[in-house]
Amino acid sequence: MNNMEKIRQKVQAEKPESGARQIGEVVLLIAAASEQAAEIIAADLDNESMSIAKCFEALRDYARKHQSGGFWGCMCNSFDAKNPVIQVVCDFYKVPKEAFEKQNPKRLGANETEGAGGIDLIDLL
């Protein structure tokens, strides 16, 4: 079983209506963004104190400490290393920032290789 499958199984084991299941979806986003992150997280999930439910508790504690006017909210529906939710989860699992530096997200309109015949957005102007 690979790391993503292991993480996905742990997420699916959480109750659908629970906060742990919701944070599990964020864990999956992080794991998909970096193989190194997936490896670190998958290894930690065997430890009860590093479970997805414990990760949710860490996020809830962070939210309580940083709430303003009785509310703290942060949307997280895609991977963004600057998102506080992503940062709290990465801190919890001790995923280093360097794990994401190796990733090379493709720009819209960027050619994969020189002379590949792809379309550059500037050509559309």
Protein backbone atom coordinates (compact mmCIF):
# COMPACT_ATOMS: atom_id res chain seq x y z
CA MET A 1 0.00 0.00 0.00
CA ASN A 2 1.41 3.41 -0.92
CA ASN A 3 1.38 6.49 1.30
CA MET A 4 -1.64 8.15 -0.34
CA GLU A 5 -3.71 4.99 -0.01
CA LYS A 6 -2.78 4.68 3.65
CA ILE A 7 -3.70 8.31 4.34
CA ARG A 8 -6.95 7.97 2.37
CA GLN A 9 -7.94 4.88 4.40
CA LYS A 10 -7.31 6.73 7.68
CA VAL A 11 -9.42 9.67 6.46
CA GLN A 12 -12.25 7.37 5.35
CA ALA A 13 -12.21 5.69 8.77
CA GLU A 14 -13.25 8.98 10.41
CA LYS A 15 -16.97 9.72 10.79
CA PRO A 16 -18.21 11.78 7.80
CA GLU A 17 -19.67 14.53 9.97
CA SER A 18 -16.59 14.90 12.17
CA GLY A 19 -14.00 17.65 12.16
CA ALA A 20 -11.37 14.95 11.85
CA ARG A 21 -12.83 13.87 8.49
CA GLN A 22 -12.78 17.48 7.31
CA ILE A 23 -9.16 18.03 8.33
CA GLY A 24 -8.37 14.67 6.76
CA GLU A 25 -9.34 16.15 3.40
CA VAL A 26 -6.75 18.89 4.01
CA VAL A 27 -4.19 16.24 4.93
CA LEU A 28 -4.90 14.60 1.57
CA LEU A 29 -4.34 17.94 -0.22
CA ILE A 30 -0.97 18.29 1.48
CA ALA A 31 0.04 14.71 0.71
CA ALA A 32 -0.92 15.15 -2.93
CA ALA A 33 1.24 18.28 -3.15
CA SER A 34 4.43 16.54 -2.02
CA GLU A 35 5.59 12.93 -1.96
CA GLN A 36 7.86 13.78 0.97
CA ALA A 37 4.91 15.19 2.91
CA ALA A 38 2.86 12.07 2.12
CA GLU A 39 5.67 9.86 3.41
CA ILE A 40 6.04 11.81 6.66
CA ILE A 41 2.29 11.93 7.33
CA ALA A 42 1.72 8.25 6.49
CA ALA A 43 4.47 7.21 8.92
CA ASP A 44 2.99 9.38 11.69
CA LEU A 45 -0.55 8.03 11.35
CA ASP A 46 0.44 4.75 13.01
CA ASN A 47 1.07 6.72 16.21
CA GLU A 48 -2.21 7.41 18.08
CA SER A 49 -0.93 10.80 19.29
CA MET A 50 -0.46 11.81 15.62
CA SER A 51 -3.88 10.68 14.39
CA ILE A 52 -6.07 12.78 12.15
CA ALA A 53 -8.38 13.41 15.13
CA LYS A 54 -5.41 14.75 17.15
CA CYS A 55 -4.48 16.95 14.18
CA PHE A 56 -8.01 18.37 14.21
CA GLU A 57 -7.66 19.09 17.94
CA ALA A 58 -4.41 20.97 17.22
CA LEU A 59 -6.18 23.06 14.57
CA ARG A 60 -9.11 23.76 16.90
CA ASP A 61 -6.68 24.89 19.63
CA TYR A 62 -4.91 27.14 17.11
CA ALA A 63 -8.25 28.62 16.04
CA ARG A 64 -9.30 29.34 19.63
CA LYS A 65 -6.02 31.14 20.30
CA HIS A 66 -6.29 33.24 17.15
CA GLN A 67 -9.99 34.06 17.08
CA SER A 68 -11.05 37.66 16.89
CA GLY A 69 -14.48 38.76 18.01
CA GLY A 70 -15.44 35.18 18.82
CA PHE A 71 -14.67 33.87 15.33
CA TRP A 72 -11.74 32.35 13.49
CA GLY A 73 -12.26 30.96 10.05
CA CYS A 74 -10.05 30.17 7.13
CA MET A 75 -11.20 28.66 3.85
CA CYS A 76 -9.12 25.74 2.65
CA ASN A 77 -10.30 24.02 -0.50
CA SER A 78 -7.00 23.83 -2.40
CA PHE A 79 -3.32 23.59 -1.54
CA ASP A 80 -1.72 26.94 -0.67
CA ALA A 81 1.38 26.73 1.53
CA LYS A 82 0.56 30.17 2.99
CA ASN A 83 -2.88 29.14 4.20
CA PRO A 84 -2.91 28.98 8.03
CA VAL A 85 -4.81 25.67 8.01
CA ILE A 86 -2.15 24.10 5.78
CA GLN A 87 0.57 25.55 8.00
CA VAL A 88 -0.98 24.18 11.21
CA VAL A 89 -1.35 20.70 9.70
CA CYS A 90 2.22 20.78 8.35
CA ASP A 91 3.50 21.93 11.74
CA PHE A 92 1.55 19.17 13.47
CA TYR A 93 3.06 16.47 11.25
CA LYS A 94 6.43 18.26 11.14
CA VAL A 95 6.44 18.50 7.35
CA PRO A 96 9.26 20.89 6.42
CA LYS A 97 8.59 23.78 4.04
CA GLU A 98 11.33 22.38 1.82
CA ALA A 99 9.01 19.46 1.01
CA PHE A 100 7.05 21.81 -1.26
CA GLU A 101 9.94 23.74 -2.80
CA LYS A 102 10.79 20.85 -5.11
CA GLN A 103 7.32 20.94 -6.59
CA ASN A 104 7.16 22.67 -9.95
CA PRO A 105 3.60 23.82 -10.55
CA LYS A 106 2.93 24.41 -14.22
CA ARG A 107 1.92 27.88 -15.32
CA LEU A 108 -1.14 28.16 -17.48
CA GLY A 109 0.13 28.42 -21.06
CA ALA A 110 3.69 27.31 -20.26
CA ASN A 111 5.27 24.83 -22.64
CA GLU A 112 6.42 21.58 -21.00
CA THR A 113 9.49 21.45 -23.23
CA GLU A 114 11.19 23.91 -25.54
CA GLY A 115 9.61 23.77 -28.99
CA ALA A 116 6.83 21.43 -27.91
CA GLY A 117 4.39 23.40 -30.00
CA GLY A 118 2.23 24.40 -27.03
CA ILE A 119 0.21 27.57 -26.93
CA ASP A 120 1.59 30.52 -25.02
CA LEU A 121 -1.09 32.93 -23.75
CA ILE A 122 0.83 35.87 -25.20
CA ASP A 123 0.20 34.36 -28.66
CA LEU A 124 -3.52 34.85 -28.10
CA LEU A 125 -3.24 38.64 -27.84
